[in-house]
N, C-alpha and C. Protein backbone atom coordinates (compact mmCIF):
# COMPACT_ATOMS: atom_id res chain seq x y z
N MET A 1 15.69 15.61 6.38
CA MET A 1 14.80 16.67 6.87
C MET A 1 13.43 16.08 7.17
N PRO A 2 13.05 16.03 8.45
CA PRO A 2 11.74 15.46 8.76
C PRO A 2 10.61 16.34 8.24
N ILE A 3 9.50 15.70 7.85
CA ILE A 3 8.33 16.44 7.40
C ILE A 3 7.78 17.24 8.57
N ASN A 4 7.51 18.50 8.35
CA ASN A 4 7.05 19.41 9.39
C ASN A 4 5.56 19.68 9.21
N PRO A 5 4.71 19.19 10.12
CA PRO A 5 3.26 19.39 9.94
C PRO A 5 2.84 20.85 10.01
N ASN A 6 3.73 21.72 10.51
CA ASN A 6 3.42 23.14 10.62
C ASN A 6 4.06 23.98 9.52
N ALA A 7 4.69 23.33 8.55
CA ALA A 7 5.37 24.06 7.48
C ALA A 7 4.35 24.79 6.61
N SER A 8 4.80 25.88 6.00
CA SER A 8 3.91 26.65 5.12
C SER A 8 3.74 25.98 3.77
N ILE A 9 4.71 25.15 3.38
CA ILE A 9 4.63 24.45 2.11
C ILE A 9 3.84 23.16 2.30
N GLU A 10 2.88 22.94 1.41
CA GLU A 10 2.07 21.72 1.45
C GLU A 10 2.05 21.07 0.08
N ILE A 11 2.20 19.75 0.06
CA ILE A 11 1.99 18.99 -1.16
C ILE A 11 0.94 17.92 -0.88
N THR A 12 0.26 17.49 -1.93
CA THR A 12 -0.69 16.41 -1.78
C THR A 12 -0.05 15.11 -2.25
N ALA A 13 -0.51 14.00 -1.66
CA ALA A 13 0.00 12.68 -2.01
C ALA A 13 -1.07 11.65 -1.69
N PHE A 14 -0.95 10.48 -2.27
CA PHE A 14 -1.89 9.41 -1.98
C PHE A 14 -1.52 8.72 -0.67
N ARG A 15 -2.55 8.32 0.04
CA ARG A 15 -2.35 7.56 1.27
C ARG A 15 -1.80 6.17 0.99
N TRP A 16 -2.21 5.62 -0.17
CA TRP A 16 -1.76 4.28 -0.54
C TRP A 16 -1.94 4.09 -2.04
N VAL A 17 -1.04 3.30 -2.63
CA VAL A 17 -1.16 2.87 -4.02
C VAL A 17 -0.74 1.41 -4.09
N PRO A 18 -1.12 0.67 -5.14
CA PRO A 18 -0.73 -0.73 -5.26
C PRO A 18 0.79 -0.90 -5.28
N GLU A 19 1.24 -2.02 -4.81
CA GLU A 19 2.68 -2.27 -4.63
C GLU A 19 3.52 -2.04 -5.89
N PRO A 20 3.08 -2.45 -7.10
CA PRO A 20 3.95 -2.26 -8.27
C PRO A 20 4.32 -0.81 -8.55
N VAL A 21 3.49 0.13 -8.13
CA VAL A 21 3.79 1.53 -8.41
C VAL A 21 4.23 2.30 -7.17
N GLN A 22 4.40 1.63 -6.06
CA GLN A 22 4.92 2.32 -4.88
C GLN A 22 6.35 2.77 -5.16
N GLY A 23 6.64 4.01 -4.84
CA GLY A 23 7.95 4.58 -5.14
C GLY A 23 8.03 5.24 -6.49
N LEU A 24 6.92 5.21 -7.25
CA LEU A 24 6.90 5.82 -8.57
C LEU A 24 5.94 7.00 -8.66
N VAL A 25 5.07 7.18 -7.69
CA VAL A 25 4.06 8.23 -7.75
C VAL A 25 4.76 9.59 -7.78
N ARG A 26 4.22 10.51 -8.55
CA ARG A 26 4.95 11.73 -8.90
C ARG A 26 5.17 12.71 -7.75
N ASP A 27 4.46 12.57 -6.63
CA ASP A 27 4.79 13.46 -5.50
C ASP A 27 6.23 13.25 -5.05
N LEU A 28 6.83 12.10 -5.41
CA LEU A 28 8.23 11.85 -5.07
C LEU A 28 9.13 12.96 -5.62
N ARG A 29 8.81 13.47 -6.81
CA ARG A 29 9.63 14.52 -7.41
C ARG A 29 9.62 15.79 -6.58
N ALA A 30 8.43 16.18 -6.13
CA ALA A 30 8.33 17.38 -5.30
C ALA A 30 9.03 17.18 -3.97
N ARG A 31 8.83 16.01 -3.36
CA ARG A 31 9.50 15.71 -2.08
C ARG A 31 11.02 15.80 -2.26
N TRP A 32 11.52 15.20 -3.34
CA TRP A 32 12.97 15.17 -3.56
C TRP A 32 13.51 16.58 -3.75
N ALA A 33 12.85 17.37 -4.57
CA ALA A 33 13.32 18.74 -4.80
C ALA A 33 13.33 19.53 -3.50
N LEU A 34 12.28 19.38 -2.69
CA LEU A 34 12.22 20.09 -1.41
C LEU A 34 13.34 19.64 -0.48
N GLU A 35 13.62 18.35 -0.49
CA GLU A 35 14.72 17.84 0.34
C GLU A 35 16.07 18.39 -0.13
N GLU A 36 16.25 18.48 -1.44
CA GLU A 36 17.52 18.97 -1.97
C GLU A 36 17.78 20.42 -1.55
N VAL A 37 16.75 21.25 -1.57
CA VAL A 37 16.95 22.67 -1.24
C VAL A 37 16.77 22.94 0.25
N GLY A 38 16.35 21.93 1.02
CA GLY A 38 16.25 22.09 2.47
C GLY A 38 15.04 22.86 2.94
N LEU A 39 13.91 22.72 2.24
CA LEU A 39 12.69 23.42 2.64
C LEU A 39 11.75 22.47 3.38
N ASP A 40 11.28 22.89 4.55
CA ASP A 40 10.29 22.10 5.28
C ASP A 40 8.98 22.05 4.52
N TYR A 41 8.27 20.95 4.66
CA TYR A 41 6.98 20.83 4.00
C TYR A 41 6.10 19.87 4.80
N ARG A 42 4.82 19.93 4.50
CA ARG A 42 3.88 18.98 5.07
C ARG A 42 3.16 18.29 3.92
N VAL A 43 2.53 17.15 4.22
CA VAL A 43 1.85 16.37 3.19
C VAL A 43 0.38 16.23 3.57
N ARG A 44 -0.49 16.52 2.62
CA ARG A 44 -1.93 16.28 2.79
C ARG A 44 -2.26 15.00 2.04
N LEU A 45 -2.65 13.98 2.77
CA LEU A 45 -2.89 12.67 2.18
C LEU A 45 -4.31 12.55 1.65
N LEU A 46 -4.41 11.90 0.51
CA LEU A 46 -5.69 11.70 -0.16
C LEU A 46 -5.94 10.21 -0.37
N ASP A 47 -7.19 9.81 -0.24
CA ASP A 47 -7.56 8.44 -0.55
C ASP A 47 -7.73 8.29 -2.07
N GLN A 48 -7.85 7.05 -2.52
CA GLN A 48 -8.03 6.80 -3.95
C GLN A 48 -9.28 7.50 -4.48
N GLN A 49 -10.30 7.61 -3.64
CA GLN A 49 -11.51 8.34 -4.00
C GLN A 49 -11.37 9.76 -3.47
N ARG A 50 -10.98 10.69 -4.32
CA ARG A 50 -10.76 12.06 -3.89
C ARG A 50 -12.08 12.79 -3.74
N PRO A 51 -12.14 13.76 -2.81
CA PRO A 51 -13.36 14.56 -2.70
C PRO A 51 -13.56 15.39 -3.96
N PRO A 52 -14.81 15.64 -4.35
CA PRO A 52 -15.08 16.37 -5.60
C PRO A 52 -14.38 17.73 -5.67
N GLU A 53 -14.24 18.39 -4.53
CA GLU A 53 -13.65 19.72 -4.53
C GLU A 53 -12.15 19.70 -4.87
N TYR A 54 -11.53 18.51 -4.83
CA TYR A 54 -10.11 18.43 -5.19
C TYR A 54 -9.90 18.83 -6.65
N LEU A 55 -10.91 18.65 -7.48
CA LEU A 55 -10.80 19.04 -8.89
C LEU A 55 -10.61 20.54 -9.06
N LEU A 56 -10.96 21.31 -8.06
CA LEU A 56 -10.72 22.75 -8.12
C LEU A 56 -9.24 23.06 -7.94
N GLU A 57 -8.49 22.14 -7.35
CA GLU A 57 -7.05 22.30 -7.19
C GLU A 57 -6.30 21.61 -8.32
N GLN A 58 -6.77 20.41 -8.69
CA GLN A 58 -6.08 19.60 -9.69
C GLN A 58 -7.13 19.06 -10.66
N PRO A 59 -7.32 19.71 -11.79
CA PRO A 59 -8.42 19.34 -12.69
C PRO A 59 -8.32 17.94 -13.26
N PHE A 60 -7.13 17.29 -13.15
CA PHE A 60 -6.97 15.94 -13.67
C PHE A 60 -7.02 14.89 -12.55
N ASP A 61 -7.30 15.35 -11.32
CA ASP A 61 -7.53 14.46 -10.18
C ASP A 61 -6.28 13.64 -9.83
N GLN A 62 -5.11 14.26 -9.98
CA GLN A 62 -3.85 13.57 -9.73
C GLN A 62 -3.11 14.24 -8.58
N VAL A 63 -1.96 13.68 -8.21
CA VAL A 63 -1.07 14.30 -7.24
C VAL A 63 0.29 14.47 -7.93
N PRO A 64 1.06 15.47 -7.43
CA PRO A 64 0.77 16.35 -6.30
C PRO A 64 0.21 17.70 -6.73
N CYS A 65 -0.41 18.36 -5.77
CA CYS A 65 -0.61 19.81 -5.81
C CYS A 65 0.39 20.44 -4.84
N PHE A 66 0.70 21.70 -5.06
CA PHE A 66 1.69 22.41 -4.24
C PHE A 66 1.13 23.75 -3.83
N SER A 67 1.37 24.12 -2.59
CA SER A 67 1.01 25.45 -2.11
C SER A 67 2.00 25.88 -1.06
N ASP A 68 2.40 27.15 -1.12
CA ASP A 68 3.27 27.70 -0.08
C ASP A 68 2.70 28.97 0.54
N GLY A 69 1.41 29.20 0.34
CA GLY A 69 0.78 30.41 0.86
C GLY A 69 0.83 31.57 -0.11
N LYS A 70 1.72 31.50 -1.09
CA LYS A 70 1.82 32.54 -2.12
C LYS A 70 1.44 32.00 -3.48
N VAL A 71 1.86 30.77 -3.75
CA VAL A 71 1.65 30.15 -5.05
C VAL A 71 0.96 28.82 -4.84
N ARG A 72 -0.05 28.54 -5.65
CA ARG A 72 -0.74 27.25 -5.64
C ARG A 72 -0.73 26.72 -7.07
N ILE A 73 -0.06 25.58 -7.28
CA ILE A 73 0.10 25.03 -8.63
C ILE A 73 0.01 23.51 -8.60
N PHE A 74 -0.20 22.94 -9.80
CA PHE A 74 -0.12 21.50 -9.98
C PHE A 74 0.80 21.22 -11.16
N GLU A 75 1.04 19.94 -11.42
CA GLU A 75 1.98 19.43 -12.44
C GLU A 75 3.42 19.52 -11.92
N THR A 76 4.07 18.36 -11.89
CA THR A 76 5.39 18.30 -11.26
C THR A 76 6.45 19.13 -11.98
N GLY A 77 6.32 19.29 -13.29
CA GLY A 77 7.29 20.13 -13.98
C GLY A 77 7.28 21.55 -13.45
N ALA A 78 6.07 22.10 -13.29
CA ALA A 78 5.94 23.46 -12.75
C ALA A 78 6.35 23.51 -11.29
N ILE A 79 5.97 22.49 -10.52
CA ILE A 79 6.28 22.48 -9.09
C ILE A 79 7.78 22.43 -8.86
N VAL A 80 8.46 21.51 -9.53
CA VAL A 80 9.90 21.37 -9.32
C VAL A 80 10.64 22.59 -9.82
N GLN A 81 10.19 23.20 -10.92
CA GLN A 81 10.83 24.43 -11.38
C GLN A 81 10.66 25.54 -10.35
N TYR A 82 9.46 25.66 -9.80
CA TYR A 82 9.23 26.69 -8.79
C TYR A 82 10.10 26.47 -7.56
N ILE A 83 10.20 25.22 -7.12
CA ILE A 83 11.07 24.92 -5.98
C ILE A 83 12.51 25.28 -6.32
N GLY A 84 12.94 24.94 -7.55
CA GLY A 84 14.30 25.27 -7.96
C GLY A 84 14.57 26.75 -7.94
N GLU A 85 13.56 27.55 -8.23
CA GLU A 85 13.74 29.00 -8.26
C GLU A 85 13.92 29.60 -6.86
N GLN A 86 13.65 28.82 -5.84
CA GLN A 86 13.81 29.31 -4.47
C GLN A 86 15.26 29.21 -3.99
N SER A 87 16.09 28.51 -4.74
CA SER A 87 17.46 28.27 -4.31
C SER A 87 18.33 27.98 -5.52
N GLU A 88 19.59 28.35 -5.45
CA GLU A 88 20.51 28.08 -6.54
C GLU A 88 20.97 26.63 -6.53
N VAL A 89 20.57 25.87 -5.52
CA VAL A 89 21.01 24.48 -5.39
C VAL A 89 20.60 23.66 -6.62
N LEU A 90 19.39 23.87 -7.11
CA LEU A 90 18.87 23.05 -8.21
C LEU A 90 18.74 23.79 -9.53
N LEU A 91 18.84 25.10 -9.50
CA LEU A 91 18.62 25.88 -10.71
C LEU A 91 19.65 27.00 -10.79
N PRO A 92 20.63 26.89 -11.70
CA PRO A 92 21.65 27.93 -11.81
C PRO A 92 21.04 29.30 -12.06
N ARG A 93 21.72 30.33 -11.65
CA ARG A 93 21.22 31.69 -11.81
C ARG A 93 21.57 32.29 -13.18
N ASP A 94 22.65 31.81 -13.81
CA ASP A 94 22.97 32.34 -15.13
C ASP A 94 21.96 31.82 -16.14
N ALA A 95 21.65 32.64 -17.14
CA ALA A 95 20.57 32.31 -18.07
C ALA A 95 20.82 31.00 -18.81
N GLN A 96 22.04 30.79 -19.27
CA GLN A 96 22.34 29.57 -20.03
C GLN A 96 22.15 28.33 -19.16
N GLY A 97 22.74 28.33 -17.98
CA GLY A 97 22.62 27.18 -17.10
C GLY A 97 21.18 26.95 -16.64
N ARG A 98 20.49 28.04 -16.36
CA ARG A 98 19.10 27.96 -15.90
C ARG A 98 18.20 27.31 -16.94
N TYR A 99 18.27 27.79 -18.17
CA TYR A 99 17.35 27.27 -19.17
C TYR A 99 17.77 25.92 -19.73
N ARG A 100 19.01 25.58 -19.62
CA ARG A 100 19.39 24.22 -20.00
C ARG A 100 18.87 23.23 -18.95
N ALA A 101 18.87 23.62 -17.70
CA ALA A 101 18.28 22.76 -16.67
C ALA A 101 16.77 22.62 -16.89
N ILE A 102 16.11 23.74 -17.20
CA ILE A 102 14.67 23.71 -17.45
C ILE A 102 14.36 22.86 -18.68
N GLN A 103 15.18 22.98 -19.73
CA GLN A 103 14.91 22.22 -20.95
C GLN A 103 14.96 20.72 -20.67
N TRP A 104 15.85 20.29 -19.77
CA TRP A 104 15.94 18.85 -19.48
C TRP A 104 14.75 18.37 -18.66
N SER A 105 14.19 19.25 -17.86
CA SER A 105 12.97 18.84 -17.15
C SER A 105 11.83 18.65 -18.15
N TYR A 106 11.76 19.52 -19.15
CA TYR A 106 10.75 19.37 -20.19
C TYR A 106 11.02 18.11 -21.02
N ALA A 107 12.28 17.86 -21.33
CA ALA A 107 12.64 16.68 -22.12
C ALA A 107 12.25 15.39 -21.39
N ALA A 108 12.50 15.36 -20.08
CA ALA A 108 12.14 14.18 -19.30
C ALA A 108 10.64 13.92 -19.39
N LEU A 109 9.85 14.99 -19.28
CA LEU A 109 8.40 14.84 -19.25
C LEU A 109 7.79 14.61 -20.62
N ASN A 110 8.35 15.24 -21.65
CA ASN A 110 7.72 15.20 -22.96
C ASN A 110 8.36 14.22 -23.94
N SER A 111 9.67 14.06 -23.87
CA SER A 111 10.37 13.23 -24.85
C SER A 111 10.64 11.81 -24.35
N VAL A 112 10.71 11.62 -23.03
CA VAL A 112 11.08 10.32 -22.48
C VAL A 112 9.93 9.66 -21.73
N GLU A 113 9.28 10.39 -20.83
CA GLU A 113 8.27 9.77 -19.97
C GLU A 113 7.14 9.09 -20.74
N PRO A 114 6.56 9.69 -21.79
CA PRO A 114 5.43 9.01 -22.46
C PRO A 114 5.79 7.62 -22.98
N ALA A 115 6.99 7.47 -23.53
CA ALA A 115 7.41 6.17 -24.05
C ALA A 115 7.57 5.15 -22.94
N LEU A 116 8.16 5.55 -21.82
CA LEU A 116 8.37 4.62 -20.71
C LEU A 116 7.06 4.30 -20.01
N LEU A 117 6.22 5.32 -19.85
CA LEU A 117 4.95 5.11 -19.17
C LEU A 117 4.03 4.20 -19.99
N ASN A 118 4.11 4.28 -21.30
CA ASN A 118 3.33 3.40 -22.15
C ASN A 118 3.67 1.94 -21.86
N LEU A 119 4.95 1.66 -21.66
CA LEU A 119 5.39 0.30 -21.34
C LEU A 119 4.89 -0.11 -19.96
N VAL A 120 4.93 0.80 -19.02
CA VAL A 120 4.44 0.51 -17.66
C VAL A 120 2.95 0.15 -17.70
N LEU A 121 2.18 0.92 -18.42
CA LEU A 121 0.74 0.65 -18.51
C LEU A 121 0.47 -0.72 -19.10
N ILE A 122 1.21 -1.08 -20.14
CA ILE A 122 1.03 -2.40 -20.75
C ILE A 122 1.38 -3.50 -19.76
N ASP A 123 2.49 -3.34 -19.05
CA ASP A 123 2.99 -4.40 -18.17
C ASP A 123 2.19 -4.54 -16.88
N PHE A 124 1.69 -3.43 -16.36
CA PHE A 124 1.03 -3.48 -15.06
C PHE A 124 -0.49 -3.54 -15.13
N PHE A 125 -1.05 -2.95 -16.16
CA PHE A 125 -2.51 -2.80 -16.18
C PHE A 125 -3.21 -3.52 -17.33
N TYR A 126 -2.49 -3.86 -18.40
CA TYR A 126 -3.13 -4.50 -19.55
C TYR A 126 -2.41 -5.78 -19.97
N THR A 127 -1.67 -6.35 -19.06
CA THR A 127 -0.80 -7.47 -19.42
C THR A 127 -1.56 -8.66 -20.00
N GLY A 128 -2.82 -8.85 -19.60
CA GLY A 128 -3.58 -9.99 -20.09
C GLY A 128 -4.31 -9.73 -21.38
N GLU A 129 -4.30 -8.51 -21.86
CA GLU A 129 -5.03 -8.15 -23.07
C GLU A 129 -4.26 -8.58 -24.32
N GLU A 130 -4.98 -9.11 -25.30
CA GLU A 130 -4.32 -9.58 -26.51
C GLU A 130 -3.64 -8.44 -27.26
N TRP A 131 -4.30 -7.26 -27.29
CA TRP A 131 -3.71 -6.13 -28.00
C TRP A 131 -2.40 -5.70 -27.34
N ALA A 132 -2.34 -5.84 -26.00
CA ALA A 132 -1.14 -5.44 -25.28
C ALA A 132 0.02 -6.37 -25.61
N LYS A 133 -0.25 -7.66 -25.75
CA LYS A 133 0.79 -8.60 -26.12
C LYS A 133 1.36 -8.27 -27.49
N LEU A 134 0.49 -7.85 -28.40
CA LEU A 134 0.94 -7.48 -29.74
C LEU A 134 1.68 -6.15 -29.75
N ARG A 135 1.28 -5.26 -28.89
CA ARG A 135 1.84 -3.90 -28.86
C ARG A 135 3.17 -3.85 -28.12
N ARG A 136 3.38 -4.76 -27.17
CA ARG A 136 4.53 -4.60 -26.28
C ARG A 136 5.89 -4.56 -26.98
N PRO A 137 6.20 -5.45 -27.95
CA PRO A 137 7.52 -5.37 -28.59
C PRO A 137 7.82 -4.00 -29.19
N GLY A 138 6.82 -3.41 -29.85
CA GLY A 138 7.02 -2.08 -30.42
C GLY A 138 7.18 -1.02 -29.35
N ALA A 139 6.41 -1.15 -28.27
CA ALA A 139 6.49 -0.19 -27.18
C ALA A 139 7.86 -0.26 -26.51
N GLU A 140 8.37 -1.48 -26.35
CA GLU A 140 9.70 -1.64 -25.74
C GLU A 140 10.79 -1.05 -26.63
N GLU A 141 10.69 -1.28 -27.90
CA GLU A 141 11.70 -0.74 -28.82
C GLU A 141 11.69 0.78 -28.83
N PHE A 142 10.50 1.36 -28.77
CA PHE A 142 10.41 2.82 -28.75
C PHE A 142 10.98 3.38 -27.44
N ALA A 143 10.71 2.70 -26.32
CA ALA A 143 11.28 3.11 -25.05
C ALA A 143 12.80 3.01 -25.09
N ARG A 144 13.31 1.95 -25.69
CA ARG A 144 14.76 1.77 -25.78
C ARG A 144 15.39 2.88 -26.62
N LEU A 145 14.71 3.31 -27.67
CA LEU A 145 15.22 4.40 -28.49
C LEU A 145 15.37 5.67 -27.66
N LYS A 146 14.36 5.99 -26.86
CA LYS A 146 14.44 7.19 -26.02
C LYS A 146 15.59 7.08 -25.03
N LEU A 147 15.75 5.91 -24.43
CA LEU A 147 16.85 5.71 -23.48
C LEU A 147 18.20 5.85 -24.18
N ARG A 148 18.29 5.36 -25.40
CA ARG A 148 19.54 5.48 -26.15
C ARG A 148 19.89 6.95 -26.39
N ARG A 149 18.89 7.75 -26.70
CA ARG A 149 19.14 9.18 -26.94
C ARG A 149 19.68 9.85 -25.68
N VAL A 150 19.09 9.52 -24.54
CA VAL A 150 19.58 10.10 -23.28
C VAL A 150 20.98 9.60 -22.98
N SER A 151 21.20 8.32 -23.19
CA SER A 151 22.52 7.73 -22.95
C SER A 151 23.59 8.37 -23.82
N ASP A 152 23.27 8.57 -25.09
CA ASP A 152 24.24 9.19 -26.00
C ASP A 152 24.58 10.60 -25.56
N TRP A 153 23.58 11.34 -25.10
CA TRP A 153 23.84 12.70 -24.63
C TRP A 153 24.68 12.69 -23.36
N LEU A 154 24.32 11.80 -22.45
CA LEU A 154 25.00 11.76 -21.15
C LEU A 154 26.47 11.43 -21.31
N GLY A 155 26.79 10.47 -22.15
CA GLY A 155 28.19 10.08 -22.33
C GLY A 155 28.83 9.72 -21.01
N ASP A 156 29.97 10.32 -20.73
CA ASP A 156 30.65 10.04 -19.46
C ASP A 156 30.45 11.17 -18.44
N LYS A 157 29.45 12.02 -18.67
CA LYS A 157 29.17 13.10 -17.72
C LYS A 157 28.51 12.54 -16.46
N GLN A 158 28.69 13.25 -15.37
CA GLN A 158 28.06 12.83 -14.11
C GLN A 158 26.56 13.08 -14.14
N TRP A 159 26.19 14.27 -14.61
CA TRP A 159 24.78 14.66 -14.70
C TRP A 159 24.51 15.16 -16.12
N LEU A 160 23.29 15.46 -16.43
CA LEU A 160 22.91 15.81 -17.80
C LEU A 160 23.68 17.00 -18.34
N GLU A 161 23.98 17.95 -17.44
CA GLU A 161 24.73 19.15 -17.87
C GLU A 161 26.13 19.18 -17.27
N GLY A 162 26.72 18.02 -17.09
CA GLY A 162 28.09 17.96 -16.59
C GLY A 162 28.17 17.62 -15.12
N GLY A 163 28.85 18.47 -14.35
CA GLY A 163 29.04 18.20 -12.94
C GLY A 163 27.99 18.81 -12.04
N ARG A 164 27.01 19.50 -12.61
CA ARG A 164 26.01 20.22 -11.81
C ARG A 164 24.69 19.47 -11.81
N PHE A 165 24.22 19.06 -10.63
CA PHE A 165 22.92 18.42 -10.47
C PHE A 165 21.84 19.50 -10.47
N THR A 166 20.78 19.30 -11.30
CA THR A 166 19.76 20.32 -11.45
C THR A 166 18.36 19.70 -11.43
N ILE A 167 17.36 20.56 -11.60
CA ILE A 167 15.99 20.06 -11.68
C ILE A 167 15.81 19.10 -12.86
N GLY A 168 16.61 19.26 -13.90
CA GLY A 168 16.54 18.34 -15.02
C GLY A 168 16.86 16.92 -14.61
N ASP A 169 17.82 16.78 -13.71
CA ASP A 169 18.18 15.45 -13.21
C ASP A 169 17.12 14.90 -12.27
N VAL A 170 16.51 15.75 -11.46
CA VAL A 170 15.40 15.30 -10.61
C VAL A 170 14.33 14.66 -11.48
N MET A 171 13.96 15.34 -12.54
CA MET A 171 12.89 14.84 -13.39
C MET A 171 13.33 13.60 -14.17
N MET A 172 14.53 13.61 -14.72
CA MET A 172 14.96 12.48 -15.55
C MET A 172 15.15 11.22 -14.73
N VAL A 173 15.75 11.33 -13.57
CA VAL A 173 15.96 10.14 -12.73
C VAL A 173 14.63 9.52 -12.35
N THR A 174 13.67 10.34 -11.96
CA THR A 174 12.38 9.78 -11.56
C THR A 174 11.64 9.17 -12.75
N VAL A 175 11.84 9.72 -13.93
CA VAL A 175 11.25 9.13 -15.12
C VAL A 175 11.90 7.78 -15.44
N LEU A 176 13.21 7.69 -15.36
CA LEU A 176 13.91 6.44 -15.65
C LEU A 176 13.47 5.32 -14.72
N ARG A 177 13.07 5.67 -13.51
CA ARG A 177 12.65 4.66 -12.54
C ARG A 177 11.34 3.97 -12.93
N PHE A 178 10.60 4.54 -13.86
CA PHE A 178 9.35 3.92 -14.28
C PHE A 178 9.56 2.51 -14.83
N VAL A 179 10.70 2.27 -15.47
CA VAL A 179 10.93 0.95 -16.06
C VAL A 179 11.89 0.13 -15.21
N ARG A 180 11.84 0.34 -13.91
CA ARG A 180 12.71 -0.43 -13.01
C ARG A 180 12.39 -1.92 -13.03
N HIS A 181 11.18 -2.29 -13.48
CA HIS A 181 10.79 -3.70 -13.53
C HIS A 181 11.37 -4.40 -14.76
N THR A 182 12.05 -3.67 -15.61
CA THR A 182 12.67 -4.24 -16.81
C THR A 182 14.19 -4.10 -16.71
N GLY A 183 14.88 -4.62 -17.69
CA GLY A 183 16.33 -4.45 -17.75
C GLY A 183 16.75 -3.39 -18.74
N LEU A 184 15.80 -2.51 -19.12
CA LEU A 184 16.08 -1.56 -20.19
C LEU A 184 17.18 -0.57 -19.83
N VAL A 185 17.08 0.04 -18.66
CA VAL A 185 18.10 1.02 -18.28
C VAL A 185 19.45 0.34 -18.10
N ALA A 186 19.45 -0.86 -17.54
CA ALA A 186 20.71 -1.58 -17.34
C ALA A 186 21.41 -1.89 -18.66
N GLY A 187 20.65 -1.85 -19.77
CA GLY A 187 21.25 -2.08 -21.06
C GLY A 187 22.16 -0.95 -21.53
N PHE A 188 22.13 0.16 -20.81
CA PHE A 188 22.99 1.31 -21.10
C PHE A 188 23.80 1.60 -19.84
N PRO A 189 25.04 1.08 -19.75
CA PRO A 189 25.80 1.18 -18.50
C PRO A 189 25.94 2.59 -17.95
N ASN A 190 26.15 3.57 -18.82
CA ASN A 190 26.31 4.93 -18.31
C ASN A 190 25.00 5.47 -17.76
N LEU A 191 23.88 5.08 -18.38
CA LEU A 191 22.58 5.53 -17.91
C LEU A 191 22.21 4.83 -16.60
N ASP A 192 22.57 3.56 -16.50
CA ASP A 192 22.33 2.81 -15.28
C ASP A 192 23.10 3.42 -14.12
N ALA A 193 24.37 3.80 -14.37
CA ALA A 193 25.18 4.43 -13.33
C ALA A 193 24.61 5.79 -12.94
N TYR A 194 24.12 6.52 -13.93
CA TYR A 194 23.48 7.82 -13.68
C TYR A 194 22.26 7.67 -12.79
N LEU A 195 21.41 6.69 -13.10
CA LEU A 195 20.23 6.44 -12.28
C LEU A 195 20.63 6.10 -10.85
N LYS A 196 21.62 5.25 -10.70
CA LYS A 196 22.05 4.84 -9.35
C LYS A 196 22.66 6.02 -8.59
N ARG A 197 23.35 6.93 -9.29
CA ARG A 197 23.88 8.13 -8.62
C ARG A 197 22.74 8.98 -8.08
N GLY A 198 21.70 9.13 -8.89
CA GLY A 198 20.56 9.91 -8.43
C GLY A 198 19.90 9.28 -7.22
N GLU A 199 19.68 7.98 -7.28
CA GLU A 199 19.01 7.28 -6.17
C GLU A 199 19.87 7.22 -4.92
N ALA A 200 21.19 7.43 -5.07
CA ALA A 200 22.09 7.39 -3.91
C ALA A 200 22.15 8.73 -3.18
N ARG A 201 21.60 9.77 -3.76
CA ARG A 201 21.65 11.07 -3.10
C ARG A 201 20.84 11.03 -1.80
N PRO A 202 21.38 11.57 -0.71
CA PRO A 202 20.66 11.53 0.57
C PRO A 202 19.27 12.13 0.50
N ALA A 203 19.10 13.21 -0.27
CA ALA A 203 17.79 13.84 -0.38
C ALA A 203 16.79 12.91 -1.05
N PHE A 204 17.23 12.15 -2.06
CA PHE A 204 16.33 11.19 -2.71
C PHE A 204 15.94 10.10 -1.73
N LYS A 205 16.90 9.59 -1.00
CA LYS A 205 16.61 8.51 -0.05
C LYS A 205 15.60 8.95 0.99
N ARG A 206 15.72 10.18 1.47
CA ARG A 206 14.76 10.68 2.46
C ARG A 206 13.37 10.81 1.85
N ALA A 207 13.31 11.35 0.64
CA ALA A 207 12.02 11.54 -0.02
C ALA A 207 11.34 10.20 -0.27
N LEU A 208 12.08 9.24 -0.76
CA LEU A 208 11.51 7.92 -1.04
C LEU A 208 11.06 7.24 0.24
N ALA A 209 11.88 7.32 1.28
CA ALA A 209 11.53 6.68 2.55
C ALA A 209 10.25 7.26 3.12
N ASP A 210 10.09 8.58 3.02
CA ASP A 210 8.87 9.21 3.54
C ASP A 210 7.65 8.77 2.74
N GLN A 211 7.77 8.70 1.42
CA GLN A 211 6.64 8.28 0.61
C GLN A 211 6.25 6.83 0.93
N LEU A 212 7.23 5.95 0.98
CA LEU A 212 6.94 4.54 1.24
C LEU A 212 6.42 4.31 2.65
N ALA A 213 6.89 5.10 3.60
CA ALA A 213 6.44 4.94 4.99
C ALA A 213 4.94 5.19 5.10
N THR A 214 4.43 6.12 4.33
CA THR A 214 2.98 6.40 4.34
C THR A 214 2.19 5.18 3.88
N TYR A 215 2.65 4.55 2.82
CA TYR A 215 1.96 3.36 2.31
C TYR A 215 2.00 2.23 3.33
N LYS A 216 3.16 2.02 3.96
CA LYS A 216 3.30 0.94 4.92
C LYS A 216 2.43 1.18 6.14
N GLN A 217 2.35 2.43 6.56
CA GLN A 217 1.50 2.74 7.70
C GLN A 217 0.03 2.45 7.38
N HIS A 218 -0.40 2.79 6.18
CA HIS A 218 -1.79 2.52 5.78
C HIS A 218 -2.04 1.01 5.75
N GLU A 219 -1.08 0.26 5.23
CA GLU A 219 -1.24 -1.19 5.18
C GLU A 219 -1.30 -1.79 6.57
N ALA A 220 -0.47 -1.26 7.49
CA ALA A 220 -0.47 -1.77 8.86
C ALA A 220 -1.78 -1.45 9.56
N GLU A 221 -2.30 -0.26 9.32
CA GLU A 221 -3.59 0.12 9.94
C GLU A 221 -4.72 -0.76 9.40
N GLY A 222 -4.65 -1.08 8.10
CA GLY A 222 -5.68 -1.92 7.51
C GLY A 222 -5.63 -3.34 8.06
N ALA A 223 -4.41 -3.84 8.29
CA ALA A 223 -4.26 -5.19 8.82
C ALA A 223 -4.73 -5.29 10.27
N ALA A 224 -4.58 -4.17 11.00
CA ALA A 224 -4.95 -4.17 12.41
C ALA A 224 -6.44 -3.95 12.62
N ALA A 225 -7.10 -3.41 11.59
CA ALA A 225 -8.53 -3.08 11.73
C ALA A 225 -9.41 -4.34 11.80
């Protein structure tokens, strides 16, 4: 689904980020969810130095923000849940299925992401610091524990709740990608296969390609200037 500059749905995203985190920025989650449900959207690009008024939309100065003319929200958990509510594709209508999908989106953000992101910060931003060298073994072990818990739950299921792909999987797959620079996920064969299934979905591929294309275009413009 090509991005539609005239669509009523708008998300914010960065014009460019450093190469190690390209493909990891959280607007990918909103793009992917929109692609899965087939909703047109447009992207408002922001530079690393955001205008002061952006804090009125996103008090933590991050991306993405979401607006569809009726609802304006930030935080990807809320955004992806709202997108899921627009279609049964990502969020079952029965109460049990619906809230189990929602619980996994919360689990991805609260129980798994902090441990993995801690490792990313050490590896990408503090790698030369002495405290980071001392902290890394413990951080890796804690990340591995979280991955083991997800792996044990997943077992031989296709998705977190069996055969149904939901917003919980959107969130969990994107969280697992944070440690793509390590072999941690590959240490759990079922989890590695789960991650690859998510990344193989056509909607994910489109969302990722659109995000990366923006960065490449910015780099090309900078080289030509």
